[in-house]
Amino acid sequence: MTRRLSELRRNATAAYVGPLAAFMLLSMVPGWFRVENSAAPWYVQQPEHWWYPVQTVVCAALLLWWRQHYILRPWRASDLALAVLAAAVGIAIWVAPGWLFQHRSGAEENLATPGWWRWLGWSDRSEGFDPTLLAQHPLGQTLSLIARFARSSLVVPFVEELCWRGWLMRYCIAGDRPFTRIPFGTHRWRSYFITTACVTAIHQPEDWLAAWIWGTLVYALAVRTRSLGACVVMHAVGNLLLGFYILRTGQWGYW
């Protein structure tokens, strides 16, 4: 058992793919406990409030366990500035359709719009991870929000960028070679389309267009900076900005 764990820890592919695989599997758990009843206790209405902290800790532990594999450098100020700018642009594009929907002049206009507009992000985003459900438990609400931001702005950027850009982007190019032999940021169109399609597919349909644009921006940043760290920073800043936007607007559906 110890030998197998040691081999697993030395496996570069497992190190880059494992945390996201675990994250995706753990994301299925809340559905097992959810009860669609407004009179039910908060912990069954939205199990995410107590499960996301568990998921965050487990995935953070995996990242620490495999940390010797991760090369995030180079860290250049110009690359980080570009990452922050790209994050702001990407999130603005992401939330724009929902913002327009929220500020429409009348409900009748929405009823008259073609159904395919939903695929452009034109939809109601008022239902989702809602911290107001814990309004009667101020401490619990605060802890839930802290855990939610830790998940989205600390853990998610690492697990996703390590897998999509750190592994898949290079794996698509490697052929018979180990993916680690491919310099980070190497561009091939095949790699771009496969990686960006996978990034898009894990989001809800309303976000597919925005996710494709976002994935393109991160891919371009990877090619431009050749820094996995810059991609992680872009993702972290983007999710942080999105979180602030959600809290301000009540568009919980983005969470």
Protein backbone atom coordinates (compact mmCIF):
# COMPACT_ATOMS: atom_id res chain seq x y z
CA MET A 1 0.00 0.00 0.00
CA THR A 2 2.79 2.40 0.95
CA ARG A 3 4.64 1.55 -2.25
CA ARG A 4 1.57 2.23 -4.39
CA LEU A 5 1.01 5.56 -2.69
CA SER A 6 4.64 6.44 -3.28
CA GLU A 7 4.33 5.55 -6.97
CA LEU A 8 1.13 7.57 -7.24
CA ARG A 9 2.81 10.55 -5.63
CA ARG A 10 5.65 10.38 -8.16
CA ASN A 11 3.26 10.16 -11.12
CA ALA A 12 3.22 13.54 -12.89
CA THR A 13 -0.02 12.88 -14.77
CA ALA A 14 -1.80 11.98 -11.54
CA ALA A 15 -0.43 15.12 -9.91
CA TYR A 16 -1.84 17.38 -12.61
CA VAL A 17 -5.13 15.57 -13.25
CA GLY A 18 -5.92 14.05 -9.85
CA PRO A 19 -6.98 17.20 -7.98
CA LEU A 20 -9.51 18.21 -10.65
CA ALA A 21 -10.80 14.65 -10.95
CA ALA A 22 -11.34 14.56 -7.19
CA PHE A 23 -12.94 18.01 -7.29
CA MET A 24 -15.42 16.96 -9.99
CA LEU A 25 -16.35 13.74 -8.18
CA LEU A 26 -16.84 15.56 -4.89
CA SER A 27 -19.04 18.13 -6.65
CA MET A 28 -21.61 15.39 -7.19
CA VAL A 29 -22.12 14.78 -3.47
CA PRO A 30 -24.50 17.68 -2.61
CA GLY A 31 -27.09 16.28 -5.00
CA TRP A 32 -27.36 13.15 -2.85
CA PHE A 33 -28.55 15.18 0.14
CA ARG A 34 -30.54 18.01 -1.46
CA VAL A 35 -34.26 18.35 -0.71
CA GLU A 36 -36.26 20.73 -2.92
CA ASN A 37 -38.44 22.17 -0.17
CA SER A 38 -38.35 25.78 1.00
CA ALA A 39 -39.47 24.65 4.46
CA ALA A 40 -36.56 22.23 4.84
CA PRO A 41 -33.50 23.12 6.95
CA TRP A 42 -30.70 24.98 5.17
CA TYR A 43 -28.35 22.00 5.31
CA VAL A 44 -30.62 19.96 3.04
CA GLN A 45 -31.92 22.84 0.91
CA GLN A 46 -28.36 23.71 -0.07
CA PRO A 47 -25.91 21.05 1.16
CA GLU A 48 -23.16 23.00 -0.60
CA HIS A 49 -22.89 25.24 2.47
CA TRP A 50 -21.43 22.41 4.55
CA TRP A 51 -20.00 20.25 1.78
CA TYR A 52 -17.93 22.84 -0.09
CA PRO A 53 -15.59 23.34 2.90
CA VAL A 54 -14.97 19.58 2.97
CA GLN A 55 -14.32 19.55 -0.78
CA THR A 56 -11.98 22.52 -0.45
CA VAL A 57 -9.90 20.90 2.30
CA VAL A 58 -9.64 17.56 0.47
CA CYS A 59 -8.52 19.16 -2.81
CA ALA A 60 -6.11 21.51 -1.05
CA ALA A 61 -4.57 18.49 0.68
CA LEU A 62 -4.10 16.76 -2.69
CA LEU A 63 -2.43 19.87 -4.11
CA LEU A 64 -0.03 19.95 -1.18
CA TRP A 65 0.66 16.23 -1.47
CA TRP A 66 1.64 16.54 -5.15
CA ARG A 67 3.21 20.01 -4.88
CA GLN A 68 6.70 18.87 -5.91
CA HIS A 69 5.45 18.43 -9.50
CA TYR A 70 4.13 21.94 -10.03
CA ILE A 71 6.27 24.53 -11.80
CA LEU A 72 4.46 27.87 -11.72
CA ARG A 73 7.34 30.18 -12.60
CA PRO A 74 8.38 32.44 -14.21
CA TRP A 75 6.87 35.21 -12.09
CA ARG A 76 7.20 38.48 -14.00
CA ALA A 77 5.39 41.66 -12.99
CA SER A 78 4.33 42.34 -16.58
CA ASP A 79 2.82 38.85 -16.88
CA LEU A 80 0.92 39.21 -13.62
CA ALA A 81 -0.41 42.62 -14.66
CA LEU A 82 -1.58 41.10 -17.95
CA ALA A 83 -3.22 38.26 -16.00
CA VAL A 84 -5.17 40.71 -13.83
CA LEU A 85 -6.27 42.72 -16.87
CA ALA A 86 -7.34 39.58 -18.74
CA ALA A 87 -9.28 38.43 -15.66
CA ALA A 88 -11.21 41.70 -15.47
CA VAL A 89 -12.03 41.61 -19.19
CA GLY A 90 -13.02 37.95 -19.07
CA ILE A 91 -15.36 38.33 -16.11
CA ALA A 92 -16.95 41.47 -17.58
CA ILE A 93 -17.76 39.48 -20.72
CA TRP A 94 -19.02 36.57 -18.61
CA VAL A 95 -21.55 38.54 -16.57
CA ALA A 96 -22.64 41.03 -19.25
CA PRO A 97 -25.57 38.97 -20.65
CA GLY A 98 -26.90 38.21 -17.16
CA TRP A 99 -26.56 41.85 -16.16
CA LEU A 100 -28.53 42.93 -19.23
CA PHE A 101 -31.18 40.31 -18.47
CA GLN A 102 -31.44 41.52 -14.87
CA HIS A 103 -31.80 45.16 -15.95
CA ARG A 104 -34.22 44.56 -18.83
CA SER A 105 -37.04 47.07 -19.17
CA GLY A 106 -39.84 44.54 -18.78
CA ALA A 107 -40.57 40.82 -18.37
CA GLU A 108 -42.58 40.84 -21.59
CA GLU A 109 -39.42 41.48 -23.57
CA ASN A 110 -37.85 38.31 -22.18
CA LEU A 111 -40.87 36.26 -23.13
CA ALA A 112 -40.54 37.54 -26.68
CA THR A 113 -36.84 36.74 -27.07
CA PRO A 114 -35.79 33.61 -28.98
CA GLY A 115 -35.02 30.57 -26.84
CA TRP A 116 -31.52 30.27 -28.25
CA TRP A 117 -30.58 33.53 -26.52
CA ARG A 118 -30.18 31.39 -23.42
CA TRP A 119 -27.08 29.91 -25.02
CA LEU A 120 -25.62 33.41 -25.11
CA GLY A 121 -26.07 33.78 -21.36
CA TRP A 122 -29.41 35.63 -21.55
CA SER A 123 -31.09 34.00 -18.55
CA ASP A 124 -32.10 34.47 -14.95
CA ARG A 125 -29.19 33.97 -12.54
CA SER A 126 -31.01 34.59 -9.28
CA GLU A 127 -30.96 30.96 -8.05
CA GLY A 128 -27.79 29.24 -6.91
CA PHE A 129 -25.46 29.12 -3.91
CA ASP A 130 -27.34 31.61 -1.74
CA PRO A 131 -25.70 32.75 1.54
CA THR A 132 -28.87 34.61 2.55
CA LEU A 133 -30.27 31.17 3.39
CA LEU A 134 -28.10 31.40 6.52
CA ALA A 135 -29.23 34.91 7.47
CA GLN A 136 -30.45 33.66 10.85
CA HIS A 137 -27.03 32.17 11.56
CA PRO A 138 -24.57 35.09 11.13
CA LEU A 139 -21.47 33.14 12.12
CA GLY A 140 -22.41 30.24 9.88
CA GLN A 141 -23.13 32.64 7.03
CA THR A 142 -19.73 34.29 7.41
CA LEU A 143 -17.90 30.97 7.57
CA SER A 144 -19.81 29.70 4.55
CA LEU A 145 -18.82 32.77 2.53
CA ILE A 146 -15.18 32.47 3.58
CA ALA A 147 -15.18 28.82 2.53
CA ARG A 148 -16.91 29.68 -0.76
CA PHE A 149 -14.29 32.29 -1.64
CA ALA A 150 -11.47 29.95 -0.57
CA ARG A 151 -12.88 27.29 -2.87
CA SER A 152 -13.37 29.54 -5.89
CA SER A 153 -10.35 31.82 -5.57
CA LEU A 154 -7.70 29.55 -4.03
CA VAL A 155 -8.42 25.90 -4.82
CA VAL A 156 -10.32 26.05 -8.12
CA PRO A 157 -7.66 28.12 -9.97
CA PHE A 158 -5.01 25.54 -9.12
CA VAL A 159 -7.00 22.36 -9.80
CA GLU A 160 -8.32 23.66 -13.13
CA GLU A 161 -5.21 25.34 -14.49
CA LEU A 162 -2.95 22.45 -13.51
CA CYS A 163 -5.19 20.04 -15.43
CA TRP A 164 -6.27 22.11 -18.43
CA ARG A 165 -3.20 24.21 -19.13
CA GLY A 166 -0.54 22.35 -17.16
CA TRP A 167 -1.42 18.87 -18.43
CA LEU A 168 -4.01 18.72 -21.26
CA MET A 169 -2.60 21.61 -23.28
CA ARG A 170 0.78 19.84 -23.38
CA TYR A 171 -0.58 16.29 -23.56
CA CYS A 172 -2.33 17.12 -26.85
CA ILE A 173 1.07 17.97 -28.31
CA ALA A 174 3.28 15.37 -26.64
CA GLY A 175 2.42 12.31 -28.72
CA ASP A 176 4.61 9.45 -27.45
CA ARG A 177 6.65 11.76 -25.23
CA PRO A 178 5.92 12.52 -21.58
CA PHE A 179 3.84 15.70 -21.43
CA THR A 180 6.41 17.22 -19.09
CA ARG A 181 8.86 17.33 -22.01
CA ILE A 182 6.69 19.91 -23.76
CA PRO A 183 7.56 23.48 -22.69
CA PHE A 184 4.61 25.16 -21.02
CA GLY A 185 2.86 27.59 -23.36
CA THR A 186 3.66 25.71 -26.57
CA HIS A 187 0.89 26.47 -29.06
CA ARG A 188 -0.87 24.12 -31.44
CA TRP A 189 -4.38 24.71 -32.76
CA ARG A 190 -5.37 21.15 -31.90
CA SER A 191 -4.32 21.78 -28.33
CA TYR A 192 -6.28 25.03 -28.23
CA PHE A 193 -9.55 23.53 -29.47
CA ILE A 194 -9.43 20.41 -27.29
CA THR A 195 -8.42 22.28 -24.14
CA THR A 196 -10.94 25.08 -24.60
CA ALA A 197 -13.73 22.63 -25.44
CA CYS A 198 -13.08 20.74 -22.21
CA VAL A 199 -13.04 23.97 -20.21
CA THR A 200 -16.37 24.93 -21.78
CA ALA A 201 -18.02 21.55 -21.29
CA ILE A 202 -17.78 21.56 -17.48
CA HIS A 203 -19.92 24.71 -17.24
CA GLN A 204 -23.69 25.04 -17.51
CA PRO A 205 -25.08 25.70 -21.02
CA GLU A 206 -25.86 29.36 -20.28
CA ASP A 207 -22.15 29.88 -19.70
CA TRP A 208 -20.76 27.99 -22.68
CA LEU A 209 -20.08 31.02 -24.86
CA ALA A 210 -18.52 32.96 -21.99
CA ALA A 211 -16.52 29.89 -20.93
CA TRP A 212 -15.14 29.51 -24.46
CA ILE A 213 -14.07 33.16 -24.50
CA TRP A 214 -12.59 32.81 -21.02
CA GLY A 215 -10.75 29.64 -22.01
CA THR A 216 -9.37 31.42 -25.07
CA LEU A 217 -8.09 34.29 -22.93
CA VAL A 218 -6.34 31.94 -20.50
CA TYR A 219 -4.88 29.92 -23.38
CA ALA A 220 -3.56 33.11 -24.98
CA LEU A 221 -2.08 34.15 -21.64
CA ALA A 222 -0.34 30.79 -21.33
CA VAL A 223 1.18 31.13 -24.81
CA ARG A 224 2.12 34.78 -24.26
CA THR A 225 3.69 34.43 -20.81
CA ARG A 226 4.69 30.75 -20.74
CA SER A 227 3.86 30.96 -17.05
CA LEU A 228 1.45 28.55 -15.39
CA GLY A 229 1.53 30.84 -12.38
CA ALA A 230 0.15 33.71 -14.46
CA CYS A 231 -2.76 31.49 -15.54
CA VAL A 232 -3.49 30.58 -11.92
CA VAL A 233 -3.40 34.26 -10.94
CA MET A 234 -5.79 35.17 -13.77
CA HIS A 235 -8.21 32.47 -12.70
CA ALA A 236 -7.97 33.45 -9.03
CA VAL A 237 -8.52 37.16 -9.69
CA GLY A 238 -11.37 36.40 -12.08
CA ASN A 239 -13.18 34.22 -9.57
CA LEU A 240 -12.60 36.81 -6.85
CA LEU A 241 -14.11 39.56 -9.01
CA LEU A 242 -17.00 37.29 -9.91
CA GLY A 243 -17.62 36.59 -6.23
CA PHE A 244 -17.76 40.29 -5.39
CA TYR A 245 -20.13 40.86 -8.31
CA ILE A 246 -22.41 38.05 -7.12
CA LEU A 247 -22.56 39.44 -3.58
CA ARG A 248 -23.38 42.90 -4.88
CA THR A 249 -26.07 41.85 -7.36
CA GLY A 250 -27.54 38.72 -5.80
CA GLN A 251 -26.95 36.77 -9.01
CA TRP A 252 -26.35 33.54 -7.12
CA GLY A 253 -26.66 31.47 -10.29
CA TYR A 254 -23.07 32.31 -11.21
CA TRP A 255 -22.04 30.33 -8.12
